[in-house]
Amino acid sequence: MLCTFIKPDGSKCTANAMHGSKFCCFHNPDVSEEEKNNIRSEAGSISTAVRQEFIEYPLPEMKLENNEDVALLMADTINNMRAGKISRRLGASFTYMAFVLLLALNNTGNNTE
């Protein structure tokens, strides 16, 4: 989800909102000016506040017993990433784990559809 802050020129902030907030770390009223200044001073490095993963809603548990189940997980992950409901980093983690799961399923013979 993107930050909902409207800039003085009327344009919207394009940063990702923090987990549990409608705002990015710079527009979130709950983030102190000291924390914002610390984030700004770390130019070139990614701070914890900026790196914070986000999930817009709790993700339901999925059955992952065969190739078809993993394909459904990947389709869901892609759609959630495109909708901005999960971060690219989290989506990449899901993709890596799905790849490893597919290898395991195919090596154990659990790849029936």
N, C-alpha and C. Protein backbone atom coordinates (compact mmCIF):
# COMPACT_ATOMS: atom_id res chain seq x y z
N MET A 1 0.84 -1.16 0.00
CA MET A 1 0.00 0.00 0.00
C MET A 1 0.90 1.24 0.00
N LEU A 2 0.53 2.23 -0.78
CA LEU A 2 1.31 3.46 -0.84
C LEU A 2 0.90 4.43 0.25
N CYS A 3 1.81 5.31 0.60
CA CYS A 3 1.55 6.38 1.56
C CYS A 3 0.40 7.24 1.04
N THR A 4 -0.49 7.66 1.93
CA THR A 4 -1.65 8.45 1.51
C THR A 4 -1.43 9.95 1.67
N PHE A 5 -0.22 10.36 2.03
CA PHE A 5 0.07 11.78 2.22
C PHE A 5 -0.06 12.55 0.91
N ILE A 6 -0.71 13.71 0.98
CA ILE A 6 -0.84 14.60 -0.18
C ILE A 6 0.13 15.76 0.02
N LYS A 7 1.03 15.94 -0.93
CA LYS A 7 2.04 17.00 -0.86
C LYS A 7 1.40 18.36 -1.10
N PRO A 8 2.09 19.44 -0.70
CA PRO A 8 1.54 20.78 -0.89
C PRO A 8 1.17 21.10 -2.35
N ASP A 9 1.87 20.46 -3.30
CA ASP A 9 1.55 20.71 -4.71
C ASP A 9 0.37 19.88 -5.20
N GLY A 10 -0.24 19.09 -4.27
CA GLY A 10 -1.41 18.28 -4.62
C GLY A 10 -1.09 16.88 -5.08
N SER A 11 0.20 16.57 -5.28
CA SER A 11 0.57 15.22 -5.71
C SER A 11 0.65 14.29 -4.50
N LYS A 12 0.52 12.99 -4.78
CA LYS A 12 0.58 12.00 -3.71
C LYS A 12 2.01 11.53 -3.50
N CYS A 13 2.32 11.19 -2.27
CA CYS A 13 3.61 10.57 -1.97
C CYS A 13 3.62 9.20 -2.65
N THR A 14 4.75 8.80 -3.19
CA THR A 14 4.84 7.53 -3.91
C THR A 14 5.58 6.45 -3.12
N ALA A 15 5.91 6.74 -1.86
CA ALA A 15 6.62 5.76 -1.03
C ALA A 15 5.63 4.72 -0.48
N ASN A 16 6.15 3.57 -0.13
CA ASN A 16 5.32 2.55 0.50
C ASN A 16 4.98 2.96 1.92
N ALA A 17 3.77 2.67 2.32
CA ALA A 17 3.34 2.95 3.70
C ALA A 17 4.00 1.95 4.64
N MET A 18 4.19 2.37 5.87
CA MET A 18 4.74 1.48 6.89
C MET A 18 3.67 0.47 7.28
N HIS A 19 4.11 -0.69 7.74
CA HIS A 19 3.19 -1.73 8.20
C HIS A 19 2.28 -1.16 9.30
N GLY A 20 1.00 -1.32 9.13
CA GLY A 20 0.05 -0.85 10.13
C GLY A 20 -0.24 0.64 10.08
N SER A 21 0.19 1.31 9.03
CA SER A 21 -0.01 2.75 8.90
C SER A 21 -0.43 3.10 7.48
N LYS A 22 -1.04 4.27 7.34
CA LYS A 22 -1.40 4.78 6.01
C LYS A 22 -0.26 5.61 5.42
N PHE A 23 0.79 5.83 6.22
CA PHE A 23 1.85 6.75 5.83
C PHE A 23 3.22 6.08 5.77
N CYS A 24 4.12 6.64 4.94
CA CYS A 24 5.51 6.21 4.92
C CYS A 24 6.19 6.73 6.19
N CYS A 25 7.45 6.34 6.40
CA CYS A 25 8.13 6.75 7.63
C CYS A 25 8.30 8.26 7.73
N PHE A 26 8.37 8.96 6.60
CA PHE A 26 8.57 10.41 6.65
C PHE A 26 7.28 11.19 6.90
N HIS A 27 6.14 10.62 6.54
CA HIS A 27 4.87 11.32 6.72
C HIS A 27 4.05 10.77 7.89
N ASN A 28 4.55 9.74 8.55
CA ASN A 28 3.85 9.14 9.67
C ASN A 28 4.00 10.03 10.90
N PRO A 29 2.88 10.50 11.46
CA PRO A 29 2.97 11.37 12.64
C PRO A 29 3.51 10.64 13.87
N ASP A 30 3.51 9.31 13.86
CA ASP A 30 4.02 8.54 15.00
C ASP A 30 5.54 8.39 14.99
N VAL A 31 6.18 8.78 13.89
CA VAL A 31 7.64 8.71 13.79
C VAL A 31 8.19 10.08 14.20
N SER A 32 9.07 10.08 15.20
CA SER A 32 9.61 11.35 15.71
C SER A 32 10.51 12.01 14.67
N GLU A 33 10.69 13.32 14.84
CA GLU A 33 11.59 14.06 13.95
C GLU A 33 13.01 13.53 14.06
N GLU A 34 13.40 13.11 15.26
CA GLU A 34 14.74 12.55 15.45
C GLU A 34 14.91 11.28 14.61
N GLU A 35 13.89 10.41 14.63
CA GLU A 35 13.96 9.18 13.83
C GLU A 35 14.00 9.51 12.33
N LYS A 36 13.21 10.48 11.92
CA LYS A 36 13.20 10.88 10.51
C LYS A 36 14.56 11.42 10.10
N ASN A 37 15.17 12.23 10.97
CA ASN A 37 16.50 12.78 10.68
C ASN A 37 17.55 11.68 10.62
N ASN A 38 17.42 10.68 11.50
CA ASN A 38 18.35 9.54 11.47
C ASN A 38 18.23 8.79 10.15
N ILE A 39 17.02 8.62 9.67
CA ILE A 39 16.79 7.93 8.40
C ILE A 39 17.41 8.73 7.26
N ARG A 40 17.17 10.04 7.27
CA ARG A 40 17.73 10.90 6.22
C ARG A 40 19.26 10.89 6.24
N SER A 41 19.86 10.84 7.44
CA SER A 41 21.32 10.90 7.54
C SER A 41 21.99 9.62 7.08
N GLU A 42 21.24 8.56 6.95
CA GLU A 42 21.80 7.29 6.50
C GLU A 42 21.70 7.16 4.98
N ALA A 43 21.90 8.25 4.28
CA ALA A 43 21.82 8.25 2.82
C ALA A 43 22.72 7.17 2.25
N GLY A 44 22.17 6.41 1.31
CA GLY A 44 22.94 5.35 0.69
C GLY A 44 22.78 4.00 1.37
N SER A 45 22.31 4.03 2.61
CA SER A 45 22.05 2.75 3.29
C SER A 45 20.57 2.67 3.58
N ILE A 46 20.08 1.46 3.65
CA ILE A 46 18.65 1.28 3.85
C ILE A 46 18.42 1.07 5.34
N SER A 47 17.67 1.97 5.95
CA SER A 47 17.41 1.88 7.39
C SER A 47 16.30 0.88 7.68
N THR A 48 16.18 0.52 8.94
CA THR A 48 15.15 -0.43 9.36
C THR A 48 13.77 0.09 9.02
N ALA A 49 13.52 1.37 9.23
CA ALA A 49 12.19 1.92 8.97
C ALA A 49 11.83 1.84 7.50
N VAL A 50 12.81 2.07 6.63
CA VAL A 50 12.53 2.04 5.19
C VAL A 50 12.40 0.60 4.71
N ARG A 51 13.21 -0.33 5.29
CA ARG A 51 13.20 -1.72 4.87
C ARG A 51 12.01 -2.49 5.38
N GLN A 52 11.27 -1.93 6.33
CA GLN A 52 10.22 -2.68 7.00
C GLN A 52 9.28 -3.35 5.99
N GLU A 53 9.12 -4.65 6.15
CA GLU A 53 8.23 -5.39 5.28
C GLU A 53 6.79 -5.01 5.60
N PHE A 54 5.94 -5.16 4.63
CA PHE A 54 4.54 -4.86 4.89
C PHE A 54 3.65 -5.91 4.28
N ILE A 55 2.60 -6.19 4.98
CA ILE A 55 1.53 -7.04 4.49
C ILE A 55 0.25 -6.31 4.87
N GLU A 56 -0.58 -6.04 3.88
CA GLU A 56 -1.78 -5.26 4.12
C GLU A 56 -2.80 -6.02 4.95
N TYR A 57 -2.79 -7.33 4.88
CA TYR A 57 -3.76 -8.14 5.60
C TYR A 57 -3.10 -9.47 5.95
N PRO A 58 -3.60 -10.17 6.97
CA PRO A 58 -3.01 -11.49 7.25
C PRO A 58 -3.25 -12.43 6.08
N LEU A 59 -2.20 -13.08 5.63
CA LEU A 59 -2.32 -14.00 4.51
C LEU A 59 -2.85 -15.34 4.99
N PRO A 60 -3.81 -15.90 4.29
CA PRO A 60 -4.36 -17.19 4.71
C PRO A 60 -3.36 -18.32 4.48
N GLU A 61 -3.47 -19.36 5.28
CA GLU A 61 -2.65 -20.54 5.08
C GLU A 61 -3.07 -21.21 3.78
N MET A 62 -2.10 -21.75 3.06
CA MET A 62 -2.39 -22.42 1.80
C MET A 62 -1.86 -23.85 1.85
N LYS A 63 -2.63 -24.76 1.27
CA LYS A 63 -2.18 -26.15 1.12
C LYS A 63 -1.08 -26.15 0.05
N LEU A 64 0.06 -26.74 0.37
CA LEU A 64 1.18 -26.77 -0.58
C LEU A 64 1.71 -28.20 -0.66
N GLU A 65 0.92 -29.04 -1.33
CA GLU A 65 1.26 -30.46 -1.38
C GLU A 65 1.71 -30.95 -2.75
N ASN A 66 1.51 -30.15 -3.80
CA ASN A 66 1.88 -30.59 -5.14
C ASN A 66 2.18 -29.38 -6.02
N ASN A 67 2.61 -29.65 -7.26
CA ASN A 67 2.99 -28.57 -8.18
C ASN A 67 1.85 -27.58 -8.41
N GLU A 68 0.63 -28.09 -8.52
CA GLU A 68 -0.53 -27.21 -8.76
C GLU A 68 -0.73 -26.25 -7.59
N ASP A 69 -0.59 -26.74 -6.35
CA ASP A 69 -0.72 -25.88 -5.17
C ASP A 69 0.34 -24.77 -5.19
N VAL A 70 1.57 -25.14 -5.56
CA VAL A 70 2.66 -24.16 -5.59
C VAL A 70 2.40 -23.14 -6.70
N ALA A 71 1.86 -23.59 -7.83
CA ALA A 71 1.53 -22.66 -8.91
C ALA A 71 0.45 -21.67 -8.45
N LEU A 72 -0.52 -22.14 -7.67
CA LEU A 72 -1.55 -21.23 -7.14
C LEU A 72 -0.94 -20.23 -6.16
N LEU A 73 0.01 -20.68 -5.34
CA LEU A 73 0.70 -19.78 -4.42
C LEU A 73 1.43 -18.69 -5.20
N MET A 74 2.12 -19.09 -6.27
CA MET A 74 2.87 -18.11 -7.05
C MET A 74 1.95 -17.12 -7.74
N ALA A 75 0.81 -17.59 -8.26
CA ALA A 75 -0.15 -16.68 -8.88
C ALA A 75 -0.68 -15.69 -7.84
N ASP A 76 -0.97 -16.17 -6.65
CA ASP A 76 -1.45 -15.31 -5.57
C ASP A 76 -0.38 -14.29 -5.17
N THR A 77 0.87 -14.75 -5.08
CA THR A 77 1.98 -13.86 -4.71
C THR A 77 2.16 -12.77 -5.76
N ILE A 78 2.13 -13.15 -7.02
CA ILE A 78 2.28 -12.17 -8.10
C ILE A 78 1.15 -11.13 -8.03
N ASN A 79 -0.07 -11.60 -7.86
CA ASN A 79 -1.21 -10.68 -7.80
C ASN A 79 -1.12 -9.75 -6.59
N ASN A 80 -0.69 -10.27 -5.44
CA ASN A 80 -0.55 -9.43 -4.25
C ASN A 80 0.57 -8.41 -4.41
N MET A 81 1.66 -8.80 -5.07
CA MET A 81 2.74 -7.85 -5.32
C MET A 81 2.27 -6.75 -6.27
N ARG A 82 1.57 -7.13 -7.33
CA ARG A 82 1.09 -6.15 -8.30
C ARG A 82 0.10 -5.18 -7.67
N ALA A 83 -0.68 -5.68 -6.70
CA ALA A 83 -1.67 -4.83 -6.02
C ALA A 83 -1.05 -4.01 -4.89
N GLY A 84 0.23 -4.22 -4.61
CA GLY A 84 0.89 -3.49 -3.54
C GLY A 84 0.54 -3.98 -2.16
N LYS A 85 0.02 -5.20 -2.06
CA LYS A 85 -0.37 -5.74 -0.76
C LYS A 85 0.78 -6.40 -0.03
N ILE A 86 1.80 -6.84 -0.77
CA ILE A 86 3.02 -7.34 -0.16
C ILE A 86 4.20 -6.71 -0.89
N SER A 87 5.30 -6.58 -0.19
CA SER A 87 6.49 -5.95 -0.78
C SER A 87 7.14 -6.87 -1.79
N ARG A 88 7.95 -6.29 -2.66
CA ARG A 88 8.71 -7.09 -3.63
C ARG A 88 9.66 -8.02 -2.91
N ARG A 89 10.24 -7.54 -1.83
CA ARG A 89 11.18 -8.36 -1.08
C ARG A 89 10.48 -9.59 -0.50
N LEU A 90 9.30 -9.40 0.06
CA LEU A 90 8.55 -10.54 0.60
C LEU A 90 8.12 -11.47 -0.53
N GLY A 91 7.69 -10.90 -1.65
CA GLY A 91 7.33 -11.72 -2.81
C GLY A 91 8.51 -12.53 -3.30
N ALA A 92 9.69 -11.93 -3.30
CA ALA A 92 10.89 -12.66 -3.72
C ALA A 92 11.20 -13.80 -2.76
N SER A 93 10.97 -13.58 -1.47
CA SER A 93 11.17 -14.64 -0.48
C SER A 93 10.21 -15.79 -0.73
N PHE A 94 8.94 -15.46 -0.99
CA PHE A 94 7.95 -16.51 -1.29
C PHE A 94 8.37 -17.29 -2.53
N THR A 95 8.85 -16.57 -3.55
CA THR A 95 9.25 -17.21 -4.79
C THR A 95 10.41 -18.18 -4.55
N TYR A 96 11.39 -17.77 -3.79
CA TYR A 96 12.53 -18.63 -3.50
C TYR A 96 12.06 -19.88 -2.74
N MET A 97 11.23 -19.68 -1.71
CA MET A 97 10.75 -20.82 -0.93
C MET A 97 9.90 -21.75 -1.79
N ALA A 98 9.11 -21.20 -2.70
CA ALA A 98 8.29 -22.02 -3.60
C ALA A 98 9.19 -22.84 -4.52
N PHE A 99 10.27 -22.26 -5.00
CA PHE A 99 11.22 -22.97 -5.85
C PHE A 99 11.82 -24.16 -5.10
N VAL A 100 12.25 -23.92 -3.87
CA VAL A 100 12.83 -25.00 -3.06
C VAL A 100 11.77 -26.06 -2.79
N LEU A 101 10.54 -25.65 -2.50
CA LEU A 101 9.46 -26.61 -2.28
C LEU A 101 9.20 -27.46 -3.52
N LEU A 102 9.19 -26.82 -4.70
CA LEU A 102 9.01 -27.58 -5.94
C LEU A 102 10.11 -28.63 -6.12
N LEU A 103 11.34 -28.26 -5.83
CA LEU A 103 12.44 -29.23 -5.93
C LEU A 103 12.19 -30.40 -4.98
N ALA A 104 11.79 -30.10 -3.76
CA ALA A 104 11.53 -31.15 -2.79
C ALA A 104 10.36 -32.04 -3.21
N LEU A 105 9.30 -31.42 -3.67
CA LEU A 105 8.13 -32.19 -4.12
C LEU A 105 8.48 -33.12 -5.28
N ASN A 106 9.24 -32.60 -6.21
CA ASN A 106 9.60 -33.40 -7.39
C ASN A 106 10.60 -34.51 -7.06
N ASN A 107 11.38 -34.32 -6.02
CA ASN A 107 12.33 -35.36 -5.60
C ASN A 107 11.68 -36.43 -4.74
N THR A 108 10.52 -36.13 -4.16
CA THR A 108 9.83 -37.12 -3.31
C THR A 108 8.66 -37.76 -4.02
N GLY A 109 8.36 -37.34 -5.24
CA GLY A 109 7.27 -37.93 -5.98
C GLY A 109 5.91 -37.34 -5.67
N ASN A 110 5.86 -36.23 -4.92
CA ASN A 110 4.59 -35.56 -4.58
C ASN A 110 4.24 -34.49 -5.58
N ASN A 111 4.40 -34.74 -6.84
CA ASN A 111 4.17 -33.72 -7.83
C ASN A 111 2.92 -33.98 -8.67
N THR A 112 2.03 -34.80 -8.18
CA THR A 112 0.80 -35.05 -8.93
C THR A 112 -0.09 -33.84 -8.89
N GLU A 113 -0.82 -33.65 -9.93
CA GLU A 113 -1.70 -32.49 -10.00
C GLU A 113 -3.08 -32.97 -9.82
